[in-house]
Amino acid sequence: MMGVMTDPEPGFVPFTLPDLSEDERQARGRAWFEELDRRRSVRDFSDAPVSRTCIEWAIRAASTAPSGAHRQPWTFVAVSADETKKRIREAAEREEHSFYEGGRAPDEWLDALRPIGTHWQKPFLETVPWIVVVFEQLSGYDETGRRQRNYYTKESVGIACGLFVAALHRMGLVTLTHTPSPMGFLREILGRPSNERPFILFPVGRPADDCRVPDLRRKELDEVAIFDPRPQRPRGTGPESTPDPTPDPTPGDDR
C-alpha cells in the first residue's frame, strides 16, 4: 500500500565463538573464577598515578554489558582533578556522618557493617588518582533529539558496573563500591542533567603498601546456587493445591 511507512528491519550480522573442548571451557571457567576470587574491595589506596587510558579501557569493557532495548543507559564520569575530588569527599562525608553518627542508620545495619570496619571518614576519595561516578540514565534521546524512555535501567547499569569492577581487577587496579546516601550532590558537583541519577561511586587506584582488608569468607557454591529444583505445585483450589506427598530428603541425601 503506497504511502504507508513501515519500521525498517533490524540489522543483523553473523556471530560466532570458538568451539572449545569441554576441558578447555572448564579450564577457562576455573581460571577466571580464581582470578576474580582474588578481588577485594579496598579502602586503603595509594596515590600512585593511573593513566587515563586504563580508565578508558575499563569503561569500554563496562559498556559491552547487555542493556534493556540496547539503550546503554549509563554515563561514566571520571574525575582526576584534585579540587573536584576534595568537593566530592566533603559532600560524601557530610552524608556519611549523618548515617553513622546522626541516627539515620538503624543499629542492625551498623552491626552488620562493624566487621568490615567502615566509618564516615572517607580520606581515600582524595588519595585515589581517579574517582569514577556511574550515573543511571532514566531517559535518553533518539537521533532526532526526542526524549525516549529507557528500560531496565537499574539492571542494565548494575551489570555494567560489575564488568567495570572486573576490568579494573584484570588491570591490577582496585576499587570500592561507594554509595553515600543520598547521592544527589554528585549530580550537582559533576554537572549532570536531571534525567541522570547517581548510581555508584568508584574510587580507582592501586592498593597502599600497608593495605589491609577484612578477613571475609565468600559463600560456597551450594549456598548460592540451586540446580534443577523440583517444581512446586501452583497454589489455589482444586487438584493443583494438593500438597506434594513426597517427603523432603533427609539430611545427607544427594540433592
Protein backbone atom coordinates (compact mmCIF):
# COMPACT_ATOMS: atom_id res chain seq x y z
CA MET A 1 0.00 0.00 0.00
CA MET A 2 1.53 3.26 -1.17
CA GLY A 3 2.31 5.96 1.38
CA VAL A 4 2.41 3.66 4.41
CA MET A 5 5.63 3.92 6.41
CA THR A 6 6.90 0.70 7.95
CA ASP A 7 9.61 0.25 10.53
CA PRO A 8 12.92 -0.82 8.98
CA GLU A 9 14.03 -4.36 9.52
CA PRO A 10 16.64 -4.62 12.28
CA GLY A 11 20.16 -5.15 11.06
CA PHE A 12 21.88 -8.40 11.92
CA VAL A 13 25.46 -9.56 11.45
CA PRO A 14 26.99 -13.02 11.76
CA PHE A 15 28.18 -14.10 15.21
CA THR A 16 30.48 -16.97 16.12
CA LEU A 17 32.60 -18.07 19.06
CA PRO A 18 35.47 -20.56 19.14
CA ASP A 19 34.19 -24.12 19.57
CA LEU A 20 36.20 -25.04 22.66
CA SER A 21 36.55 -28.51 24.04
CA GLU A 22 34.79 -29.27 27.29
CA ASP A 23 38.15 -29.44 29.09
CA GLU A 24 39.14 -26.00 27.81
CA ARG A 25 35.78 -24.50 28.77
CA GLN A 26 36.17 -25.79 32.29
CA ALA A 27 39.80 -24.66 32.48
CA ARG A 28 38.88 -21.15 31.36
CA GLY A 29 35.97 -21.02 33.80
CA ARG A 30 38.13 -22.13 36.69
CA ALA A 31 40.95 -19.71 35.80
CA TRP A 32 38.54 -16.78 35.57
CA PHE A 33 36.96 -17.68 38.90
CA GLU A 34 40.36 -17.98 40.57
CA GLU A 35 41.39 -14.59 39.24
CA LEU A 36 38.18 -12.89 40.37
CA ASP A 37 38.30 -14.68 43.71
CA ARG A 38 41.42 -12.64 44.48
CA ARG A 39 39.47 -9.42 44.01
CA ARG A 40 38.77 -7.43 47.16
CA SER A 41 37.11 -4.13 47.95
CA VAL A 42 39.81 -1.75 49.18
CA ARG A 43 39.74 1.33 51.41
CA ASP A 44 43.50 1.86 51.71
CA PHE A 45 44.62 3.35 48.41
CA SER A 46 47.97 4.50 47.08
CA ASP A 47 48.28 7.88 45.41
CA ALA A 48 50.33 6.29 42.61
CA PRO A 49 49.16 7.60 39.24
CA VAL A 50 46.92 5.58 36.93
CA SER A 51 46.74 6.53 33.28
CA ARG A 52 43.56 7.83 31.71
CA THR A 53 43.95 5.09 29.09
CA CYS A 54 43.39 2.40 31.76
CA ILE A 55 40.18 4.11 32.88
CA GLU A 56 39.04 4.38 29.26
CA TRP A 57 39.56 0.65 28.68
CA ALA A 58 37.65 -0.21 31.85
CA ILE A 59 34.73 1.97 30.73
CA ARG A 60 34.82 0.40 27.27
CA ALA A 61 34.67 -3.04 28.87
CA ALA A 62 31.76 -1.97 31.08
CA SER A 63 29.89 -0.70 28.04
CA THR A 64 29.85 -4.18 26.50
CA ALA A 65 27.18 -5.07 29.09
CA PRO A 66 23.73 -6.09 27.87
CA SER A 67 21.04 -3.46 28.42
CA GLY A 68 17.30 -3.08 28.03
CA ALA A 69 16.50 -2.40 24.35
CA HIS A 70 20.25 -1.77 23.91
CA ARG A 71 19.83 1.74 25.27
CA GLN A 72 23.09 1.53 27.29
CA PRO A 73 21.58 3.81 29.96
CA TRP A 74 24.80 4.73 31.76
CA THR A 75 27.21 7.63 31.97
CA PHE A 76 30.68 7.11 33.47
CA VAL A 77 32.10 10.39 34.79
CA ALA A 78 35.84 10.10 35.51
CA VAL A 79 37.43 12.66 37.83
CA SER A 80 41.15 13.23 38.43
CA ALA A 81 41.12 16.95 39.36
CA ASP A 82 42.14 17.43 43.00
CA GLU A 83 39.65 20.22 43.67
CA THR A 84 36.72 18.17 42.40
CA LYS A 85 37.80 15.14 44.41
CA LYS A 86 38.00 17.34 47.50
CA ARG A 87 34.45 18.62 46.96
CA ILE A 88 33.19 15.08 46.49
CA ARG A 89 34.90 13.92 49.69
CA GLU A 90 33.49 16.79 51.76
CA ALA A 91 29.94 16.23 50.49
CA ALA A 92 30.17 12.44 50.87
CA GLU A 93 31.47 12.73 54.44
CA ARG A 94 28.60 15.02 55.42
CA GLU A 95 26.11 12.38 54.30
CA GLU A 96 28.11 9.53 55.81
CA HIS A 97 28.45 11.33 59.16
CA SER A 98 24.67 11.67 59.30
CA PHE A 99 24.37 7.98 58.52
CA TYR A 100 26.90 6.68 61.06
CA GLU A 101 26.68 9.29 63.80
CA GLY A 102 23.43 11.12 63.18
CA GLY A 103 20.98 8.33 63.87
CA ARG A 104 19.97 7.67 60.27
CA ALA A 105 21.32 4.12 60.27
CA PRO A 106 19.44 1.51 62.31
CA ASP A 107 21.51 -0.42 64.84
CA GLU A 108 21.04 -3.65 62.89
CA TRP A 109 22.68 -2.07 59.84
CA LEU A 110 25.57 -0.69 61.85
CA ASP A 111 26.08 -4.08 63.47
CA ALA A 112 26.28 -5.67 60.00
CA LEU A 113 28.89 -3.14 58.89
CA ARG A 114 31.07 -3.40 62.01
CA PRO A 115 33.12 -6.45 60.89
CA ILE A 116 34.04 -4.60 57.71
CA GLY A 117 35.41 -1.65 59.65
CA THR A 118 33.64 1.13 57.76
CA HIS A 119 33.12 4.62 59.17
CA TRP A 120 32.07 8.06 57.99
CA GLN A 121 35.58 9.34 57.20
CA LYS A 122 36.49 8.81 53.52
CA PRO A 123 40.04 10.14 53.04
CA PHE A 124 40.61 7.76 50.13
CA LEU A 125 38.36 9.98 47.99
CA GLU A 126 41.24 12.44 47.83
CA THR A 127 44.06 9.87 47.85
CA VAL A 128 43.00 7.95 44.76
CA PRO A 129 44.13 9.14 41.34
CA TRP A 130 40.61 8.67 39.95
CA ILE A 131 37.01 8.77 41.07
CA VAL A 132 34.55 7.31 38.57
CA VAL A 133 30.89 8.05 39.21
CA VAL A 134 28.35 5.98 37.29
CA PHE A 135 25.03 7.64 36.52
CA GLU A 136 21.83 5.82 35.63
CA GLN A 137 20.06 7.44 32.68
CA LEU A 138 16.35 7.34 33.46
CA SER A 139 15.63 8.52 29.93
CA GLY A 140 17.64 9.36 26.84
CA TYR A 141 17.29 10.95 23.43
CA ASP A 142 16.94 9.47 19.96
CA GLU A 143 18.82 10.64 16.89
CA THR A 144 16.29 13.45 16.36
CA GLY A 145 16.69 14.77 19.89
CA ARG A 146 13.32 13.46 21.05
CA ARG A 147 13.24 12.22 24.63
CA GLN A 148 12.74 8.48 25.00
CA ARG A 149 12.26 6.21 27.95
CA ASN A 150 14.95 3.72 28.94
CA TYR A 151 14.11 0.21 30.12
CA TYR A 152 15.51 -1.95 32.90
CA THR A 153 17.95 0.79 33.79
CA LYS A 154 18.96 -0.50 37.23
CA GLU A 155 19.55 -4.00 35.95
CA SER A 156 21.50 -2.71 32.93
CA VAL A 157 23.66 -0.28 34.90
CA GLY A 158 24.28 -2.88 37.60
CA ILE A 159 25.65 -5.35 35.05
CA ALA A 160 27.85 -2.63 33.51
CA CYS A 161 29.24 -1.78 36.94
CA GLY A 162 30.10 -5.42 37.54
CA LEU A 163 32.05 -5.58 34.30
CA PHE A 164 33.78 -2.32 35.22
CA VAL A 165 34.96 -3.82 38.52
CA ALA A 166 36.18 -6.97 36.75
CA ALA A 167 38.07 -4.91 34.15
CA LEU A 168 39.84 -2.89 36.85
CA HIS A 169 40.87 -6.07 38.67
CA ARG A 170 42.19 -7.53 35.41
CA MET A 171 44.47 -4.48 35.06
CA GLY A 172 45.82 -4.80 38.59
CA LEU A 173 43.74 -1.93 39.94
CA VAL A 174 41.42 -1.84 42.95
CA THR A 175 38.18 -0.11 43.77
CA LEU A 176 35.29 0.13 46.19
CA THR A 177 31.55 0.33 45.54
CA HIS A 178 30.79 3.50 47.49
CA THR A 179 27.18 4.65 47.77
CA PRO A 180 26.75 7.57 50.17
CA SER A 181 23.06 8.22 50.68
CA PRO A 182 21.60 10.42 49.37
CA MET A 183 23.91 10.96 46.40
CA GLY A 184 22.26 13.94 44.76
CA PHE A 185 25.33 16.06 45.49
CA LEU A 186 27.21 14.13 42.80
CA ARG A 187 24.86 15.31 40.08
CA GLU A 188 25.32 18.89 41.24
CA ILE A 189 29.12 18.76 41.59
CA LEU A 190 29.60 16.96 38.27
CA GLY A 191 27.01 18.98 36.36
CA ARG A 192 24.86 16.10 35.17
CA PRO A 193 21.36 16.64 33.73
CA SER A 194 18.10 15.88 35.53
CA ASN A 195 17.50 12.67 33.56
CA GLU A 196 20.55 11.10 35.21
CA ARG A 197 20.74 9.75 38.75
CA PRO A 198 23.94 8.78 40.63
CA PHE A 199 24.23 5.00 40.90
CA ILE A 200 27.68 4.11 42.32
CA LEU A 201 30.87 5.99 43.10
CA PHE A 202 34.10 4.08 42.36
CA PRO A 203 37.43 5.28 43.78
CA VAL A 204 40.05 3.73 41.50
CA GLY A 205 43.77 3.21 42.04
CA ARG A 206 46.41 0.87 43.41
CA PRO A 207 46.33 -0.54 46.94
CA ALA A 208 48.51 1.22 49.50
CA ASP A 209 51.68 -0.56 50.58
CA ASP A 210 50.14 -1.16 54.02
CA CYS A 211 46.69 -2.03 52.66
CA ARG A 212 44.64 -4.38 54.81
CA VAL A 213 41.22 -5.86 54.05
CA PRO A 214 38.71 -7.69 56.25
CA ASP A 215 39.23 -11.44 56.55
CA LEU A 216 35.94 -12.40 54.97
CA ARG A 217 34.60 -15.72 53.71
CA ARG A 218 32.70 -15.94 50.47
CA LYS A 219 29.74 -18.29 50.33
CA GLU A 220 30.31 -21.71 48.84
CA LEU A 221 28.61 -22.76 45.62
CA ASP A 222 25.92 -24.78 47.39
CA GLU A 223 24.99 -21.69 49.39
CA VAL A 224 24.32 -19.51 46.35
CA ALA A 225 23.21 -21.91 43.62
CA ILE A 226 20.39 -24.41 43.12
CA PHE A 227 20.37 -26.80 40.16
CA ASP A 228 17.19 -28.37 38.79
CA PRO A 229 14.81 -27.57 41.65
CA ARG A 230 11.72 -29.73 41.96
CA PRO A 231 8.77 -27.73 40.55
CA GLN A 232 6.25 -26.61 43.14
CA ARG A 233 2.54 -27.19 42.61
CA PRO A 234 0.64 -23.94 41.98
CA ARG A 235 -1.41 -22.65 44.88
CA GLY A 236 -5.16 -22.36 44.63
CA THR A 237 -8.16 -24.61 44.68
CA GLY A 238 -8.67 -27.93 43.03
CA PRO A 239 -6.27 -30.80 42.45
CA GLU A 240 -3.30 -28.46 41.91
CA SER A 241 -3.45 -27.36 45.54
CA THR A 242 -2.96 -30.86 46.93
CA PRO A 243 0.27 -30.98 48.96
CA ASP A 244 3.12 -32.88 47.39
CA PRO A 245 3.15 -36.25 49.17
CA THR A 246 6.86 -36.79 48.53
CA PRO A 247 8.75 -36.19 51.80
CA ASP A 248 11.68 -33.82 51.93
CA PRO A 249 15.06 -35.53 51.54
CA THR A 250 16.68 -36.45 54.80
CA PRO A 251 19.95 -34.78 55.74
CA GLY A 252 22.80 -36.35 53.85
CA ASP A 253 20.79 -37.14 50.71
CA ASP A 254 22.47 -36.13 47.46
CA ARG A 255 20.22 -33.36 46.23
